[in-house]
Each structure stands twice: as structure tokens, then as C-alpha cells.
Amino acid sequence: MEVPGRRHRRPHRWAKLAGVSPPPPSRAVHPRTTRQQRIADHVLAVGSATAAELVDLTGVSLMTVHRDVDELARRGLVRRYRGGVSAQPTSVFESHSEYRRTVHRSEKAAVAAAALPMVEPGSSIMVDDSTTALALVELLDAVGPLTVVTNYLPALELLKALPEVRLIALGGDYSRTHDSFGGIGCTESIARMSVDAAFVSTSSMTGSMTYHQEQDIVLVKRAMLGAAARSVLLMDSSKAPRRALHQLCPLDEFDALVVDDGLDEELLAEMREHVEVTVAHRNPTKLL
């Protein structure tokens, strides 16, 4: 029911998945969504763009470009400045799920392929709201029956289509930035569970410590690690050696670390002093 005078809002994508699609006032939703994704991809690739450049890119009017940019800025994907738009990463921007899904794809795919043999058919696993773990989720149809627990909406959307996966969704406070659930409701749900393995990632690490810039995310990841008999850290090489505001846990609290081949040997040697390390090679022919 519409409240008189209230501005019409775009439907959440879950509504579209459920088959609920209110008729748009003048044009179909899909062309606008595709166009905005094209703008976001372009700005992420080149760093910044003027409004005139985006008009040339999309073939729509300047007014339409401004509306698209306003929407992308509201979602946290780009930042506006006078006469243009920028996607220079900040710690907040780097946390955005849509941004994280666009970067270091080949490294994440290689890490996921190397981690897949660690997922045993018939086991129960927990995956966090990282896009590296999401790359692993994309491969789980190759594994036999599984129970998968996650708080990440993109992972839920993929897993619900797999007939051999028993899917358990973790609720809590929804974060649009992370596209996942967190907070007390999430951590308390995790505390009541016990799984065979947890596959997680985080924003940065050194040769001996892991970090994340947001304390609420740290609490959820720690809860997941505590609920698992075995914990596997999935990291692409862009995250090391780097530090962030909050310590997650020492590297030796993980049972295994999977990284791509972009790290130097000295750093890998330090990591091997604390945890079993698997190096994933970025060779597309090796992906399952």
C-alpha cells in the first residue's frame, strides 16, 4: 500500500527474485540496471570520469546520467565531485560488496579452486560474507551433499539453486554495504552451531596476524571460527602485507591458508612458520 506523498522506491532485488515486479513509471528496470552497472564498471576501471564521458559511454541524456550517478553514489559504489564521479577506494568503499566483487577476480578464482578439495562431501561448512569465499561457493555444485551456513545474500542466492545443498541462512541486522547479516542476532545464531569447517577471508594480513577495519565484521568472523572444527583462511595477494584497524586473530589460529601466487617467497616463508599454506596458481585451465 502506498502512503500518499511518499516517493516511489526501487524494489529490493529479492522482490524481483520472488517474481514481484511493480510496473516502472516509464521504462523497464533492466535497461537502467544494466546501464548503471556499465557506469560503475567503467569508473572502477579508470578511476574517475566526467559526466560528458558517461553520456558518450551510455548514449543517454546528461540528466539521465546524473540520475544514474546519484543512485550509484547513494549505494556507495561511486563518489561524486563537481563535474564528474570518482571511484578512488577508501576503507569504506573497499568494504562495499558490489565493489569487492569487481576486483581481483582471477586471484579469487584461483584461491577458490585450490580450496575446493578441502570441502568434504557430506560435511557441514560455514562461509562468511567475503567475495573470496563467494568464489568458493560458486564451485560447490561439484561437491556432493553439503550443509552450508552463511550470512551473505549473494551466497544464499547461489546456493538455493543447488539441490544437494542443505542451506542455513544466518539472520541479524542487514548491512546494505556488505549485503550480509551481522550483529547480535547473527553471532548468537552462530554460537549455537557446530560445523566441520569454516571458510573465511578478511581485508588484510601480515606474516603472522590477520586484520579487518570494522569491529562488527571482526565479531562475526571470530564467531564463525569458534563454531568450526577446522578453519581455512582464503586470501588474495592484494591483502598482504597490509594492516587494518582491528586484529582478527593470529595466523596460527587457522588450520590452513590458501593464497594465490602473487606473494613473495620471504612473506610466504614467514606465513609457513604459523600455518599450513597452499599456493594457488592463476591458471584458468586448472579451474573446475
Protein backbone atom coordinates (compact mmCIF):
# COMPACT_ATOMS: atom_id res chain seq x y z
CA MET A 1 0.00 0.00 0.00
CA GLU A 2 1.41 3.36 -0.95
CA VAL A 3 1.48 6.20 1.53
CA PRO A 4 0.22 9.40 -0.14
CA GLY A 5 3.03 11.77 -0.94
CA ARG A 6 5.77 9.21 -0.38
CA ARG A 7 8.34 8.90 -3.11
CA HIS A 8 8.29 5.62 -5.04
CA ARG A 9 11.29 3.44 -4.16
CA ARG A 10 13.03 0.85 -6.28
CA PRO A 11 12.10 -2.71 -5.32
CA HIS A 12 14.72 -4.76 -3.50
CA ARG A 13 16.28 -7.41 -5.71
CA TRP A 14 14.76 -10.13 -3.51
CA ALA A 15 11.37 -8.84 -4.62
CA LYS A 16 12.40 -9.37 -8.24
CA LEU A 17 13.63 -12.86 -7.40
CA ALA A 18 10.26 -13.63 -5.83
CA GLY A 19 8.50 -12.54 -9.00
CA VAL A 20 7.26 -9.26 -7.56
CA SER A 21 7.99 -6.51 -10.05
CA PRO A 22 5.91 -3.34 -9.78
CA PRO A 23 5.49 -1.70 -13.18
CA PRO A 24 8.05 1.10 -13.61
CA PRO A 25 6.65 4.51 -14.41
CA SER A 26 8.22 4.95 -17.84
CA ARG A 27 10.86 2.35 -18.69
CA ALA A 28 11.83 -1.21 -17.81
CA VAL A 29 14.05 -1.74 -14.79
CA HIS A 30 16.57 -3.94 -16.59
CA PRO A 31 18.00 -1.35 -19.06
CA ARG A 32 18.57 1.10 -16.20
CA THR A 33 20.21 -1.56 -14.05
CA THR A 34 22.45 -2.64 -16.93
CA ARG A 35 23.38 0.96 -17.71
CA GLN A 36 24.25 1.72 -14.08
CA GLN A 37 26.39 -1.40 -13.88
CA ARG A 38 28.20 -0.29 -17.02
CA ILE A 39 28.87 3.12 -15.49
CA ALA A 40 30.12 1.56 -12.25
CA ASP A 41 32.38 -0.88 -14.10
CA HIS A 42 33.83 1.95 -16.22
CA VAL A 43 34.50 4.22 -13.25
CA LEU A 44 36.04 1.38 -11.24
CA ALA A 45 38.30 0.54 -14.19
CA VAL A 46 39.55 4.08 -14.97
CA GLY A 47 39.30 5.68 -11.52
CA SER A 48 37.17 8.68 -12.49
CA ALA A 49 35.01 10.03 -15.32
CA THR A 50 33.25 13.23 -16.28
CA ALA A 51 29.52 13.41 -16.84
CA ALA A 52 30.16 14.10 -20.55
CA GLU A 53 32.24 10.91 -20.81
CA LEU A 54 29.43 8.91 -19.24
CA VAL A 55 26.95 10.38 -21.72
CA ASP A 56 29.18 9.13 -24.55
CA LEU A 57 29.55 5.75 -22.84
CA THR A 58 25.84 5.12 -22.31
CA GLY A 59 24.20 7.10 -25.11
CA VAL A 60 21.62 8.62 -22.78
CA SER A 61 20.96 12.23 -21.81
CA LEU A 62 23.03 14.22 -19.33
CA MET A 63 20.04 14.34 -16.97
CA THR A 64 19.74 10.54 -17.05
CA VAL A 65 23.46 10.19 -16.34
CA HIS A 66 23.10 12.49 -13.33
CA ARG A 67 20.23 10.36 -12.02
CA ASP A 68 22.26 7.19 -12.50
CA VAL A 69 25.28 8.66 -10.76
CA ASP A 70 23.10 9.86 -7.87
CA GLU A 71 21.79 6.31 -7.45
CA LEU A 72 25.28 4.77 -7.61
CA ALA A 73 26.57 7.31 -5.09
CA ARG A 74 23.66 6.55 -2.76
CA ARG A 75 24.57 2.86 -2.92
CA GLY A 76 28.18 3.68 -2.07
CA LEU A 77 29.64 2.50 -5.37
CA VAL A 78 30.99 5.86 -6.56
CA ARG A 79 31.72 9.30 -5.15
CA ARG A 80 30.54 12.46 -6.83
CA TYR A 81 32.66 15.56 -7.36
CA ARG A 82 31.98 18.75 -9.28
CA GLY A 83 31.58 17.78 -12.92
CA GLY A 84 32.21 14.05 -12.54
CA VAL A 85 32.41 10.91 -10.49
CA SER A 86 35.25 9.06 -8.78
CA ALA A 87 35.83 5.51 -7.56
CA GLN A 88 39.09 6.03 -5.72
CA PRO A 89 38.95 3.38 -3.00
CA THR A 90 38.62 4.31 0.66
CA SER A 91 38.32 1.92 3.60
CA VAL A 92 34.53 2.33 3.49
CA PHE A 93 34.33 1.96 -0.27
CA GLU A 94 36.51 -1.17 -0.20
CA SER A 95 34.01 -2.75 2.19
CA HIS A 96 31.17 -2.45 -0.30
CA SER A 97 30.08 -5.86 -1.56
CA GLU A 98 29.50 -4.70 -5.14
CA TYR A 99 32.95 -3.14 -5.31
CA ARG A 100 34.67 -6.19 -3.82
CA ARG A 101 33.02 -8.44 -6.41
CA THR A 102 34.65 -6.47 -9.24
CA VAL A 103 38.30 -6.65 -8.14
CA HIS A 104 40.99 -9.37 -8.15
CA ARG A 105 38.67 -11.88 -9.77
CA SER A 106 41.36 -14.16 -11.21
CA GLU A 107 43.18 -14.35 -7.87
CA LYS A 108 39.98 -15.19 -6.00
CA ALA A 109 39.01 -17.82 -8.57
CA ALA A 110 42.43 -19.47 -8.24
CA VAL A 111 42.20 -19.47 -4.43
CA ALA A 112 38.70 -20.96 -4.58
CA ALA A 113 39.77 -23.74 -6.93
CA ALA A 114 42.67 -24.65 -4.64
CA ALA A 115 40.40 -24.65 -1.58
CA LEU A 116 37.67 -26.77 -3.14
CA PRO A 117 39.35 -30.14 -2.32
CA MET A 118 39.22 -29.08 1.35
CA VAL A 119 35.41 -29.26 1.21
CA GLU A 120 34.47 -32.86 2.01
CA PRO A 121 31.20 -34.32 0.64
CA GLY A 122 28.70 -34.85 3.41
CA SER A 123 30.27 -32.24 5.65
CA SER A 124 28.90 -29.03 7.12
CA ILE A 125 30.67 -25.77 6.32
CA MET A 126 30.26 -22.11 7.17
CA VAL A 127 31.22 -19.32 4.74
CA ASP A 128 31.44 -15.64 5.59
CA ASP A 129 30.45 -12.57 3.60
CA SER A 130 33.74 -12.29 1.73
CA THR A 131 33.84 -12.34 -2.06
CA THR A 132 36.74 -14.80 -1.92
CA ALA A 133 34.51 -17.27 -0.08
CA LEU A 134 31.82 -16.46 -2.64
CA ALA A 135 34.18 -17.68 -5.37
CA LEU A 136 34.35 -20.98 -3.49
CA VAL A 137 30.55 -21.10 -3.21
CA GLU A 138 30.36 -20.82 -7.00
CA LEU A 139 32.18 -24.16 -7.23
CA LEU A 140 30.22 -26.13 -4.64
CA ASP A 141 27.95 -27.82 -7.18
CA ALA A 142 30.97 -30.05 -7.93
CA VAL A 143 30.88 -31.42 -4.37
CA GLY A 144 28.40 -33.99 -3.10
CA PRO A 145 25.78 -33.36 -0.43
CA LEU A 146 26.67 -30.48 1.89
CA THR A 147 25.24 -28.38 4.66
CA VAL A 148 26.23 -24.75 4.14
CA VAL A 149 25.72 -21.95 6.66
CA THR A 150 26.19 -18.33 5.60
CA ASN A 151 25.17 -14.75 6.34
CA TYR A 152 25.95 -13.46 2.82
CA LEU A 153 23.00 -12.79 0.50
CA PRO A 154 24.88 -13.36 -2.80
CA ALA A 155 25.97 -16.77 -1.46
CA LEU A 156 22.41 -17.60 -0.42
CA GLU A 157 21.14 -16.72 -3.88
CA LEU A 158 23.66 -19.09 -5.50
CA LEU A 159 23.26 -21.94 -3.03
CA LYS A 160 19.47 -22.06 -3.08
CA ALA A 161 19.66 -23.44 -6.62
CA LEU A 162 21.86 -26.42 -5.64
CA PRO A 163 19.67 -29.46 -4.88
CA GLU A 164 22.35 -31.27 -2.87
CA VAL A 165 22.96 -28.37 -0.50
CA ARG A 166 21.10 -28.04 2.77
CA LEU A 167 21.18 -24.27 3.18
CA ILE A 168 21.04 -22.47 6.53
CA ALA A 169 20.76 -18.68 6.48
CA LEU A 170 22.12 -16.62 9.33
CA GLY A 171 19.94 -13.62 10.16
CA GLY A 172 20.54 -10.47 12.15
CA ASP A 173 20.98 -6.83 11.22
CA TYR A 174 21.15 -6.38 7.45
CA SER A 175 24.02 -4.28 6.09
CA ARG A 176 23.47 -2.84 2.62
CA THR A 177 27.19 -2.09 2.35
CA HIS A 178 28.20 -5.70 2.93
CA ASP A 179 24.99 -7.28 1.58
CA SER A 180 25.01 -9.54 4.61
CA PHE A 181 23.64 -10.01 8.11
CA GLY A 182 25.52 -9.28 11.32
CA GLY A 183 25.07 -8.01 14.84
CA ILE A 184 23.99 -9.83 17.98
CA GLY A 185 21.34 -11.89 16.22
CA CYS A 186 23.91 -13.28 13.82
CA THR A 187 26.65 -14.01 16.36
CA GLU A 188 24.20 -15.67 18.75
CA SER A 189 22.93 -17.91 15.95
CA ILE A 190 26.50 -18.89 15.08
CA ALA A 191 27.28 -19.66 18.74
CA ARG A 192 24.53 -22.30 18.76
CA MET A 193 26.05 -24.14 15.80
CA SER A 194 28.93 -26.54 15.26
CA VAL A 195 30.27 -27.13 11.74
CA ASP A 196 33.08 -29.19 10.29
CA ALA A 197 34.86 -26.27 8.62
CA ALA A 198 34.70 -22.51 8.23
CA PHE A 199 35.98 -20.80 5.08
CA VAL A 200 36.59 -17.10 5.65
CA SER A 201 38.59 -14.21 4.33
CA THR A 202 39.46 -10.79 5.71
CA SER A 203 40.69 -7.44 4.48
CA SER A 204 44.40 -7.65 5.31
CA MET A 205 47.15 -9.70 6.88
CA THR A 206 50.85 -9.79 7.68
CA GLY A 207 53.05 -12.85 8.01
CA SER A 208 51.62 -13.59 11.46
CA MET A 209 48.36 -11.65 12.03
CA THR A 210 45.01 -11.05 10.29
CA TYR A 211 43.04 -7.78 10.40
CA HIS A 212 39.79 -6.09 9.44
CA GLN A 213 38.82 -2.41 9.53
CA GLU A 214 35.34 -2.94 11.03
CA GLN A 215 34.82 -4.32 14.52
CA ASP A 216 31.31 -5.66 13.81
CA ILE A 217 32.69 -7.79 10.98
CA VAL A 218 35.51 -9.00 13.23
CA LEU A 219 32.98 -10.25 15.79
CA VAL A 220 31.06 -12.28 13.20
CA LYS A 221 34.22 -13.82 11.74
CA ARG A 222 35.52 -14.74 15.20
CA ALA A 223 32.20 -16.41 15.99
CA MET A 224 32.41 -18.43 12.77
CA LEU A 225 35.94 -19.57 13.57
CA GLY A 226 34.84 -20.58 17.06
CA ALA A 227 31.97 -22.67 15.68
CA ALA A 228 34.17 -24.70 13.31
CA ALA A 229 36.27 -27.79 13.94
CA ARG A 230 38.61 -26.66 11.15
CA SER A 231 39.19 -23.14 9.82
CA VAL A 232 40.53 -22.17 6.40
CA LEU A 233 41.64 -18.64 5.52
CA LEU A 234 41.19 -17.64 1.88
CA MET A 235 43.27 -14.61 0.82
CA ASP A 236 44.24 -13.00 -2.46
CA SER A 237 47.71 -11.49 -2.65
CA SER A 238 46.50 -7.86 -2.72
CA LYS A 239 45.72 -8.16 1.00
CA ALA A 240 49.27 -8.83 2.19
CA PRO A 241 51.35 -7.48 3.70
CA ARG A 242 48.79 -4.97 4.97
CA ARG A 243 47.28 -3.97 8.31
CA ALA A 244 43.86 -2.63 9.31
CA LEU A 245 42.41 -1.09 12.46
CA HIS A 246 41.29 -4.24 14.28
CA GLN A 247 43.14 -7.51 14.80
CA LEU A 248 41.04 -10.52 13.83
CA CYS A 249 43.28 -13.30 15.14
CA PRO A 250 46.85 -14.60 14.82
CA LEU A 251 47.56 -16.62 11.71
CA ASP A 252 48.41 -19.70 13.75
CA GLU A 253 44.78 -19.95 14.90
CA PHE A 254 43.83 -21.09 11.39
CA ASP A 255 44.31 -24.67 10.27
CA ALA A 256 45.09 -23.75 6.66
CA LEU A 257 45.77 -20.71 4.49
CA VAL A 258 45.13 -20.59 0.74
CA VAL A 259 46.72 -17.71 -1.19
CA ASP A 260 47.41 -17.01 -4.85
CA ASP A 261 50.89 -16.90 -6.33
CA GLY A 262 51.30 -13.13 -6.08
CA LEU A 263 53.10 -13.16 -2.72
CA ASP A 264 56.89 -13.05 -2.45
CA GLU A 265 58.77 -16.03 -1.07
CA GLU A 266 60.00 -14.22 2.04
CA LEU A 267 56.45 -13.44 3.16
CA LEU A 268 55.29 -16.98 2.33
CA ALA A 269 58.13 -18.39 4.40
CA GLU A 270 57.03 -16.32 7.40
CA MET A 271 53.44 -17.48 6.97
CA ARG A 272 54.53 -21.12 6.80
CA GLU A 273 56.01 -20.73 10.28
CA HIS A 274 52.46 -20.28 11.59
CA VAL A 275 50.09 -22.22 9.35
CA GLU A 276 49.89 -24.75 6.53
CA VAL A 277 49.99 -22.75 3.30
CA THR A 278 48.59 -23.73 -0.11
CA VAL A 279 49.64 -21.53 -3.03
CA ALA A 280 47.07 -21.32 -5.82
CA HIS A 281 48.39 -20.67 -9.33
CA ARG A 282 46.41 -18.31 -11.53
CA ASN A 283 45.97 -20.72 -14.41
CA PRO A 284 42.40 -20.75 -15.81
CA THR A 285 42.85 -24.29 -17.15
CA LYS A 286 43.13 -25.54 -13.58
CA LEU A 287 39.76 -24.18 -12.51
CA LEU A 288 36.98 -26.72 -12.08
